[in-house]
């Protein structure tokens, strides 16, 4: 089954749609099916994006990407440092 990639804005809108439909008396499973997502996706998204506004979700994703980039830089620098330390000690 093909996996769809939703933007944070689309996810928040889908969460709101489910909340509206469940407020009208539908259960969560039926509401999720009517908007084309699985119940598992709904709960995963609710855990991550629950209570956020669209601008907050954009900022959150930007910070996650920046954090990932910085972690990669730290890993590379740590590896370089370890290599230089080993070379300086003469254990090559």
PDB file of N, CA and C in Angstrom:
ATOM      1  N   UNK A   1       0.842  -1.179   0.000  1.00  0.00           N
ATOM      2  CA  UNK A   1       0.000   0.000   0.000  1.00  0.00           C
ATOM      3  C   UNK A   1       0.883   1.237   0.000  1.00  0.00           C
ATOM      4  N   UNK A   2       0.568   2.185  -0.855  1.00  0.00           N
ATOM      5  CA  UNK A   2       1.362   3.400  -0.969  1.00  0.00           C
ATOM      6  C   UNK A   2       1.180   4.274   0.259  1.00  0.00           C
ATOM      7  N   UNK A   3       2.280   4.861   0.681  1.00  0.00           N
ATOM      8  CA  UNK A   3       2.247   5.713   1.858  1.00  0.00           C
ATOM      9  C   UNK A   3       2.115   7.158   1.416  1.00  0.00           C
ATOM     10  N   UNK A   4       1.175   7.887   2.008  1.00  0.00           N
ATOM     11  CA  UNK A   4       0.985   9.286   1.676  1.00  0.00           C
ATOM     12  C   UNK A   4       1.787  10.137   2.646  1.00  0.00           C
ATOM     13  N   UNK A   5       2.311  11.209   2.152  1.00  0.00           N
ATOM     14  CA  UNK A   5       3.082  12.126   2.979  1.00  0.00           C
ATOM     15  C   UNK A   5       2.281  13.410   3.121  1.00  0.00           C
ATOM     16  N   UNK A   6       1.840  13.675   4.328  1.00  0.00           N
ATOM     17  CA  UNK A   6       1.061  14.873   4.587  1.00  0.00           C
ATOM     18  C   UNK A   6       1.950  15.930   5.229  1.00  0.00           C
ATOM     19  N   UNK A   7       1.700  17.173   4.871  1.00  0.00           N
ATOM     20  CA  UNK A   7       2.423  18.277   5.490  1.00  0.00           C
ATOM     21  C   UNK A   7       1.834  18.519   6.874  1.00  0.00           C
ATOM     22  N   UNK A   8       2.576  19.196   7.742  1.00  0.00           N
ATOM     23  CA  UNK A   8       2.033  19.491   9.077  1.00  0.00           C
ATOM     24  C   UNK A   8       0.705  20.253   9.022  1.00  0.00           C
ATOM     25  N   UNK A   9       0.559  21.145   8.043  1.00  0.00           N
ATOM     26  CA  UNK A   9      -0.686  21.899   7.910  1.00  0.00           C
ATOM     27  C   UNK A   9      -1.853  20.975   7.589  1.00  0.00           C
ATOM     28  N   UNK A  10      -1.614  20.023   6.674  1.00  0.00           N
ATOM     29  CA  UNK A  10      -2.656  19.071   6.301  1.00  0.00           C
ATOM     30  C   UNK A  10      -3.007  18.159   7.474  1.00  0.00           C
ATOM     31  N   UNK A  11      -2.012  17.773   8.241  1.00  0.00           N
ATOM     32  CA  UNK A  11      -2.251  16.908   9.394  1.00  0.00           C
ATOM     33  C   UNK A  11      -3.133  17.610  10.417  1.00  0.00           C
ATOM     34  N   UNK A  12      -2.822  18.861  10.697  1.00  0.00           N
ATOM     35  CA  UNK A  12      -3.621  19.613  11.682  1.00  0.00           C
ATOM     36  C   UNK A  12      -5.048  19.787  11.185  1.00  0.00           C
ATOM     37  N   UNK A  13      -5.218  20.044   9.896  1.00  0.00           N
ATOM     38  CA  UNK A  13      -6.570  20.176   9.356  1.00  0.00           C
ATOM     39  C   UNK A  13      -7.335  18.860   9.446  1.00  0.00           C
ATOM     40  N   UNK A  14      -6.658  17.747   9.186  1.00  0.00           N
ATOM     41  CA  UNK A  14      -7.315  16.435   9.290  1.00  0.00           C
ATOM     42  C   UNK A  14      -7.680  16.124  10.740  1.00  0.00           C
ATOM     43  N   UNK A  15      -6.811  16.473  11.681  1.00  0.00           N
ATOM     44  CA  UNK A  15      -7.134  16.280  13.089  1.00  0.00           C
ATOM     45  C   UNK A  15      -8.374  17.078  13.484  1.00  0.00           C
ATOM     46  N   UNK A  16      -8.457  18.293  12.990  1.00  0.00           N
ATOM     47  CA  UNK A  16      -9.639  19.127  13.278  1.00  0.00           C
ATOM     48  C   UNK A  16     -10.902  18.529  12.678  1.00  0.00           C
ATOM     49  N   UNK A  17     -10.787  17.980  11.454  1.00  0.00           N
ATOM     50  CA  UNK A  17     -11.944  17.349  10.820  1.00  0.00           C
ATOM     51  C   UNK A  17     -12.451  16.170  11.649  1.00  0.00           C
ATOM     52  N   UNK A  18     -11.530  15.360  12.154  1.00  0.00           N
ATOM     53  CA  UNK A  18     -11.926  14.219  12.978  1.00  0.00           C
ATOM     54  C   UNK A  18     -12.603  14.705  14.261  1.00  0.00           C
ATOM     55  N   UNK A  19     -12.056  15.759  14.870  1.00  0.00           N
ATOM     56  CA  UNK A  19     -12.658  16.296  16.087  1.00  0.00           C
ATOM     57  C   UNK A  19     -14.061  16.813  15.824  1.00  0.00           C
ATOM     58  N   UNK A  20     -14.263  17.471  14.691  1.00  0.00           N
ATOM     59  CA  UNK A  20     -15.588  17.987  14.343  1.00  0.00           C
ATOM     60  C   UNK A  20     -16.569  16.848  14.139  1.00  0.00           C
ATOM     61  N   UNK A  21     -16.138  15.828  13.407  1.00  0.00           N
ATOM     62  CA  UNK A  21     -17.027  14.707  13.137  1.00  0.00           C
ATOM     63  C   UNK A  21     -17.320  13.904  14.404  1.00  0.00           C
ATOM     64  N   UNK A  22     -16.330  13.769  15.273  1.00  0.00           N
ATOM     65  CA  UNK A  22     -16.587  13.045  16.522  1.00  0.00           C
ATOM     66  C   UNK A  22     -17.483  13.869  17.442  1.00  0.00           C
ATOM     67  N   UNK A  23     -17.435  15.179  17.312  1.00  0.00           N
ATOM     68  CA  UNK A  23     -18.335  16.038  18.065  1.00  0.00           C
ATOM     69  C   UNK A  23     -19.773  15.908  17.595  1.00  0.00           C
ATOM     70  N   UNK A  24     -19.953  15.514  16.354  1.00  0.00           N
ATOM     71  CA  UNK A  24     -21.291  15.318  15.800  1.00  0.00           C
ATOM     72  C   UNK A  24     -21.863  13.947  16.163  1.00  0.00           C
ATOM     73  N   UNK A  25     -21.078  13.136  16.861  1.00  0.00           N
ATOM     74  CA  UNK A  25     -21.584  11.857  17.310  1.00  0.00           C
ATOM     75  C   UNK A  25     -20.963  10.645  16.660  1.00  0.00           C
ATOM     76  N   UNK A  26     -20.086  10.828  15.684  1.00  0.00           N
ATOM     77  CA  UNK A  26     -19.410   9.686  15.057  1.00  0.00           C
ATOM     78  C   UNK A  26     -18.293   9.195  15.968  1.00  0.00           C
ATOM     79  N   UNK A  27     -18.012   7.909  15.913  1.00  0.00           N
ATOM     80  CA  UNK A  27     -16.864   7.413  16.658  1.00  0.00           C
ATOM     81  C   UNK A  27     -15.585   7.725  15.875  1.00  0.00           C
ATOM     82  N   UNK A  28     -14.455   7.601  16.551  1.00  0.00           N
ATOM     83  CA  UNK A  28     -13.168   7.979  15.963  1.00  0.00           C
ATOM     84  C   UNK A  28     -12.853   7.145  14.718  1.00  0.00           C
ATOM     85  N   UNK A  29     -13.134   5.860  14.771  1.00  0.00           N
ATOM     86  CA  UNK A  29     -12.817   4.981  13.639  1.00  0.00           C
ATOM     87  C   UNK A  29     -13.566   5.416  12.383  1.00  0.00           C
ATOM     88  N   UNK A  30     -14.850   5.687  12.520  1.00  0.00           N
ATOM     89  CA  UNK A  30     -15.658   6.116  11.373  1.00  0.00           C
ATOM     90  C   UNK A  30     -15.208   7.477  10.860  1.00  0.00           C
ATOM     91  N   UNK A  31     -14.899   8.379  11.774  1.00  0.00           N
ATOM     92  CA  UNK A  31     -14.445   9.714  11.381  1.00  0.00           C
ATOM     93  C   UNK A  31     -13.118   9.638  10.626  1.00  0.00           C
ATOM     94  N   UNK A  32     -12.225   8.786  11.087  1.00  0.00           N
ATOM     95  CA  UNK A  32     -10.930   8.621  10.411  1.00  0.00           C
ATOM     96  C   UNK A  32     -11.112   8.053   9.013  1.00  0.00           C
ATOM     97  N   UNK A  33     -11.963   7.059   8.895  1.00  0.00           N
ATOM     98  CA  UNK A  33     -12.204   6.454   7.584  1.00  0.00           C
ATOM     99  C   UNK A  33     -12.819   7.458   6.615  1.00  0.00           C
ATOM    100  N   UNK A  34     -13.676   8.318   7.112  1.00  0.00           N
ATOM    101  CA  UNK A  34     -14.349   9.265   6.223  1.00  0.00           C
ATOM    102  C   UNK A  34     -13.391  10.306   5.641  1.00  0.00           C
ATOM    103  N   UNK A  35     -12.297  10.597   6.342  1.00  0.00           N
ATOM    104  CA  UNK A  35     -11.334  11.558   5.796  1.00  0.00           C
ATOM    105  C   UNK A  35     -10.129  10.880   5.163  1.00  0.00           C
ATOM    106  N   UNK A  36     -10.096   9.545   5.202  1.00  0.00           N
ATOM    107  CA  UNK A  36      -9.074   8.806   4.466  1.00  0.00           C
ATOM    108  C   UNK A  36      -7.783   8.542   5.206  1.00  0.00           C
ATOM    109  N   UNK A  37      -7.836   8.431   6.527  1.00  0.00           N
ATOM    110  CA  UNK A  37      -6.646   8.080   7.292  1.00  0.00           C
ATOM    111  C   UNK A  37      -6.968   6.893   8.189  1.00  0.00           C
ATOM    112  N   UNK A  38      -5.928   6.239   8.681  1.00  0.00           N
ATOM    113  CA  UNK A  38      -6.145   5.117   9.586  1.00  0.00           C
ATOM    114  C   UNK A  38      -6.267   5.639  11.017  1.00  0.00           C
ATOM    115  N   UNK A  39      -6.831   4.800  11.848  1.00  0.00           N
ATOM    116  CA  UNK A  39      -6.970   5.175  13.257  1.00  0.00           C
ATOM    117  C   UNK A  39      -5.599   5.330  13.905  1.00  0.00           C
ATOM    118  N   UNK A  40      -4.666   4.481  13.500  1.00  0.00           N
ATOM    119  CA  UNK A  40      -3.306   4.551  14.027  1.00  0.00           C
ATOM    120  C   UNK A  40      -2.647   5.887  13.675  1.00  0.00           C
ATOM    121  N   UNK A  41      -2.841   6.337  12.431  1.00  0.00           N
ATOM    122  CA  UNK A  41      -2.289   7.631  12.027  1.00  0.00           C
ATOM    123  C   UNK A  41      -2.891   8.755  12.852  1.00  0.00           C
ATOM    124  N   UNK A  42      -4.192   8.668  13.088  1.00  0.00           N
ATOM    125  CA  UNK A  42      -4.868   9.704  13.880  1.00  0.00           C
ATOM    126  C   UNK A  42      -4.240   9.825  15.270  1.00  0.00           C
ATOM    127  N   UNK A  43      -4.071   8.706  15.957  1.00  0.00           N
ATOM    128  CA  UNK A  43      -3.530   8.759  17.310  1.00  0.00           C
ATOM    129  C   UNK A  43      -2.060   9.171  17.325  1.00  0.00           C
ATOM    130  N   UNK A  44      -1.301   8.750  16.313  1.00  0.00           N
ATOM    131  CA  UNK A  44       0.105   9.147  16.224  1.00  0.00           C
ATOM    132  C   UNK A  44       0.210  10.653  15.982  1.00  0.00           C
ATOM    133  N   UNK A  45      -0.615  11.164  15.066  1.00  0.00           N
ATOM    134  CA  UNK A  45      -0.615  12.602  14.778  1.00  0.00           C
ATOM    135  C   UNK A  45      -1.122  13.398  15.969  1.00  0.00           C
ATOM    136  N   UNK A  46      -2.121  12.879  16.641  1.00  0.00           N
ATOM    137  CA  UNK A  46      -2.668  13.591  17.798  1.00  0.00           C
ATOM    138  C   UNK A  46      -1.617  13.707  18.889  1.00  0.00           C
ATOM    139  N   UNK A  47      -0.824  12.645  19.051  1.00  0.00           N
ATOM    140  CA  UNK A  47       0.244  12.659  20.043  1.00  0.00           C
ATOM    141  C   UNK A  47       1.296  13.705  19.694  1.00  0.00           C
ATOM    142  N   UNK A  48       1.615  13.820  18.407  1.00  0.00           N
ATOM    143  CA  UNK A  48       2.669  14.738  17.972  1.00  0.00           C
ATOM    144  C   UNK A  48       2.164  16.168  17.775  1.00  0.00           C
ATOM    145  N   UNK A  49       0.985  16.321  17.176  1.00  0.00           N
ATOM    146  CA  UNK A  49       0.503  17.641  16.797  1.00  0.00           C
ATOM    147  C   UNK A  49      -0.710  18.114  17.596  1.00  0.00           C
ATOM    148  N   UNK A  50      -1.169  17.336  18.543  1.00  0.00           N
ATOM    149  CA  UNK A  50      -2.382  17.690  19.273  1.00  0.00           C
ATOM    150  C   UNK A  50      -2.275  19.052  19.951  1.00  0.00           C
ATOM    151  N   UNK A  51      -3.222  19.920  19.696  1.00  0.00           N
ATOM    152  CA  UNK A  51      -3.252  21.237  20.315  1.00  0.00           C
ATOM    153  C   UNK A  51      -2.395  22.288  19.636  1.00  0.00           C
ATOM    154  N   UNK A  52      -1.710  21.928  18.571  1.00  0.00           N
ATOM    155  CA  UNK A  52      -0.867  22.903  17.870  1.00  0.00           C
ATOM    156  C   UNK A  52      -1.666  23.670  16.828  1.00  0.00           C
ATOM    157  N   UNK A  53      -1.194  24.875  16.592  1.00  0.00           N
ATOM    158  CA  UNK A  53      -1.719  25.641  15.466  1.00  0.00           C
ATOM    159  C   UNK A  53      -0.781  25.405  14.290  1.00  0.00           C
ATOM    160  N   UNK A  54      -1.208  25.821  13.112  1.00  0.00           N
ATOM    161  CA  UNK A  54      -0.441  25.559  11.895  1.00  0.00           C
ATOM    162  C   UNK A  54       0.939  26.204  11.956  1.00  0.00           C
ATOM    163  N   UNK A  55       1.026  27.441  12.437  1.00  0.00           N
ATOM    164  CA  UNK A  55       2.323  28.118  12.495  1.00  0.00           C
ATOM    165  C   UNK A  55       3.261  27.429  13.493  1.00  0.00           C
ATOM    166  N   UNK A  56       2.708  26.894  14.583  1.00  0.00           N
ATOM    167  CA  UNK A  56       3.533  26.167  15.542  1.00  0.00           C
ATOM    168  C   UNK A  56       4.055  24.872  14.937  1.00  0.00           C
ATOM    169  N   UNK A  57       3.241  24.197  14.149  1.00  0.00           N
ATOM    170  CA  UNK A  57       3.658  22.947  13.516  1.00  0.00           C
ATOM    171  C   UNK A  57       4.788  23.194  12.518  1.00  0.00           C
ATOM    172  N   UNK A  58       4.695  24.283  11.763  1.00  0.00           N
ATOM    173  CA  UNK A  58       5.766  24.618  10.818  1.00  0.00           C
ATOM    174  C   UNK A  58       7.076  24.844  11.559  1.00  0.00           C
ATOM    175  N   UNK A  59       7.012  25.616  12.636  1.00  0.00           N
ATOM    176  CA  UNK A  59       8.203  25.914  13.424  1.00  0.00           C
ATOM    177  C   UNK A  59       8.772  24.633  14.040  1.00  0.00           C
ATOM    178  N   UNK A  60       7.892  23.750  14.506  1.00  0.00           N
ATOM    179  CA  UNK A  60       8.306  22.472  15.099  1.00  0.00           C
ATOM    180  C   UNK A  60       9.078  21.634  14.091  1.00  0.00           C
ATOM    181  N   UNK A  61       8.566  21.524  12.869  1.00  0.00           N
ATOM    182  CA  UNK A  61       9.245  20.743  11.837  1.00  0.00           C
ATOM    183  C   UNK A  61      10.585  21.361  11.465  1.00  0.00           C
ATOM    184  N   UNK A  62      10.642  22.689  11.390  1.00  0.00           N
ATOM    185  CA  UNK A  62      11.904  23.358  11.088  1.00  0.00           C
ATOM    186  C   UNK A  62      12.938  23.068  12.172  1.00  0.00           C
ATOM    187  N   UNK A  63      12.509  23.108  13.432  1.00  0.00           N
ATOM    188  CA  UNK A  63      13.428  22.836  14.530  1.00  0.00           C
ATOM    189  C   UNK A  63      13.892  21.382  14.529  1.00  0.00           C
ATOM    190  N   UNK A  64      13.015  20.456  14.175  1.00  0.00           N
ATOM    191  CA  UNK A  64      13.410  19.052  14.079  1.00  0.00           C
ATOM    192  C   UNK A  64      14.479  18.855  12.999  1.00  0.00           C
ATOM    193  N   UNK A  65      14.296  19.510  11.857  1.00  0.00           N
ATOM    194  CA  UNK A  65      15.279  19.399  10.777  1.00  0.00           C
ATOM    195  C   UNK A  65      16.614  20.009  11.186  1.00  0.00           C
ATOM    196  N   UNK A  66      16.576  21.144  11.849  1.00  0.00           N
ATOM    197  CA  UNK A  66      17.798  21.801  12.315  1.00  0.00           C
ATOM    198  C   UNK A  66      18.509  20.925  13.344  1.00  0.00           C
ATOM    199  N   UNK A  67      17.747  20.328  14.241  1.00  0.00           N
ATOM    200  CA  UNK A  67      18.316  19.448  15.256  1.00  0.00           C
ATOM    201  C   UNK A  67      19.002  18.237  14.617  1.00  0.00           C
ATOM    202  N   UNK A  68      18.378  17.655  13.621  1.00  0.00           N
ATOM    203  CA  UNK A  68      18.968  16.518  12.913  1.00  0.00           C
ATOM    204  C   UNK A  68      20.274  16.919  12.235  1.00  0.00           C
ATOM    205  N   UNK A  69      20.273  18.074  11.613  1.00  0.00           N
ATOM    206  CA  UNK A  69      21.479  18.558  10.936  1.00  0.00           C
ATOM    207  C   UNK A  69      22.615  18.782  11.939  1.00  0.00           C
ATOM    208  N   UNK A  70      22.289  19.378  13.086  1.00  0.00           N
ATOM    209  CA  UNK A  70      23.316  19.634  14.099  1.00  0.00           C
ATOM    210  C   UNK A  70      23.843  18.347  14.714  1.00  0.00           C
ATOM    211  N   UNK A  71      22.983  17.356  14.895  1.00  0.00           N
ATOM    212  CA  UNK A  71      23.437  16.068  15.426  1.00  0.00           C
ATOM    213  C   UNK A  71      24.432  15.415  14.476  1.00  0.00           C
ATOM    214  N   UNK A  72      24.181  15.509  13.186  1.00  0.00           N
ATOM    215  CA  UNK A  72      25.110  14.953  12.196  1.00  0.00           C
ATOM    216  C   UNK A  72      26.460  15.674  12.262  1.00  0.00           C
ATOM    217  N   UNK A  73      26.420  16.996  12.413  1.00  0.00           N
ATOM    218  CA  UNK A  73      27.664  17.759  12.510  1.00  0.00           C
ATOM    219  C   UNK A  73      28.468  17.357  13.739  1.00  0.00           C
ATOM    220  N   UNK A  74      27.790  17.196  14.866  1.00  0.00           N
ATOM    221  CA  UNK A  74      28.477  16.799  16.098  1.00  0.00           C
ATOM    222  C   UNK A  74      29.091  15.409  15.947  1.00  0.00           C
ATOM    223  N   UNK A  75      28.364  14.501  15.319  1.00  0.00           N
ATOM    224  CA  UNK A  75      28.894  13.151  15.114  1.00  0.00           C
ATOM    225  C   UNK A  75      30.148  13.190  14.238  1.00  0.00           C
ATOM    226  N   UNK A  76      30.100  13.973  13.166  1.00  0.00           N
ATOM    227  CA  UNK A  76      31.267  14.083  12.283  1.00  0.00           C
ATOM    228  C   UNK A  76      32.463  14.691  13.014  1.00  0.00           C
ATOM    229  N   UNK A  77      32.214  15.738  13.790  1.00  0.00           N
ATOM    230  CA  UNK A  77      33.306  16.379  14.520  1.00  0.00           C
ATOM    231  C   UNK A  77      33.882  15.464  15.592  1.00  0.00           C
ATOM    232  N   UNK A  78      33.032  14.696  16.240  1.00  0.00           N
ATOM    233  CA  UNK A  78      33.509  13.753  17.257  1.00  0.00           C
ATOM    234  C   UNK A  78      34.388  12.683  16.632  1.00  0.00           C
ATOM    235  N   UNK A  79      33.993  12.208  15.475  1.00  0.00           N
ATOM    236  CA  UNK A  79      34.789  11.210  14.763  1.00  0.00           C
ATOM    237  C   UNK A  79      36.139  11.792  14.351  1.00  0.00           C
ATOM    238  N   UNK A  80      36.122  13.005  13.821  1.00  0.00           N
ATOM    239  CA  UNK A  80      37.381  13.663  13.444  1.00  0.00           C
ATOM    240  C   UNK A  80      38.297  13.828  14.651  1.00  0.00           C
ATOM    241  N   UNK A  81      37.716  14.218  15.766  1.00  0.00           N
ATOM    242  CA  UNK A  81      38.503  14.415  16.985  1.00  0.00           C
ATOM    243  C   UNK A  81      39.131  13.107  17.442  1.00  0.00           C
ATOM    244  N   UNK A  82      38.356  12.028  17.400  1.00  0.00           N
ATOM    245  CA  UNK A  82      38.880  10.724  17.817  1.00  0.00           C
ATOM    246  C   UNK A  82      40.018  10.271  16.907  1.00  0.00           C
ATOM    247  N   UNK A  83      39.876  10.495  15.626  1.00  0.00           N
ATOM    248  CA  UNK A  83      40.924  10.115  14.671  1.00  0.00           C
ATOM    249  C   UNK A  83      42.191  10.923  14.919  1.00  0.00           C
ATOM    250  N   UNK A  84      42.050  12.228  15.116  1.00  0.00           N
ATOM    251  CA  UNK A  84      43.221  13.072  15.370  1.00  0.00           C
ATOM    252  C   UNK A  84      43.893  12.706  16.684  1.00  0.00           C
ATOM    253  N   UNK A  85      43.109  12.372  17.688  1.00  0.00           N
ATOM    254  CA  UNK A  85      43.668  11.987  18.976  1.00  0.00           C
ATOM    255  C   UNK A  85      44.462  10.688  18.843  1.00  0.00           C
ATOM    256  N   UNK A  86      43.934   9.742  18.091  1.00  0.00           N
ATOM    257  CA  UNK A  86      44.627   8.478  17.891  1.00  0.00           C
ATOM    258  C   UNK A  86      45.924   8.681  17.120  1.00  0.00           C
ATOM    259  N   UNK A  87      45.880   9.552  16.102  1.00  0.00           N
ATOM    260  CA  UNK A  87      47.092   9.833  15.335  1.00  0.00           C
ATOM    261  C   UNK A  87      48.137  10.538  16.189  1.00  0.00           C
ATOM    262  N   UNK A  88      47.692  11.424  17.080  1.00  0.00           N
ATOM    263  CA  UNK A  88      48.628  12.160  17.925  1.00  0.00           C
ATOM    264  C   UNK A  88      49.330  11.231  18.927  1.00  0.00           C
ATOM    265  N   UNK A  89      48.620  10.191  19.340  1.00  0.00           N
ATOM    266  CA  UNK A  89      49.217   9.251  20.294  1.00  0.00           C
ATOM    267  C   UNK A  89      50.131   8.244  19.595  1.00  0.00           C
ATOM    268  N   UNK A  90      50.059   8.138  18.308  1.00  0.00           N
ATOM    269  CA  UNK A  90      50.915   7.232  17.559  1.00  0.00           C
ATOM    270  C   UNK A  90      50.397   5.811  17.493  1.00  0.00           C
ATOM    271  N   UNK A  91      49.109   5.605  17.686  1.00  0.00           N
ATOM    272  CA  UNK A  91      48.511   4.256  17.650  1.00  0.00           C
ATOM    273  C   UNK A  91      47.908   3.950  16.286  1.00  0.00           C
ATOM    274  N   UNK A  92      48.644   4.165  15.256  1.00  0.00           N
ATOM    275  CA  UNK A  92      48.091   3.928  13.935  1.00  0.00           C
ATOM    276  C   UNK A  92      48.672   2.758  13.290  1.00  0.00           C
TER     277      UNK A  92
END
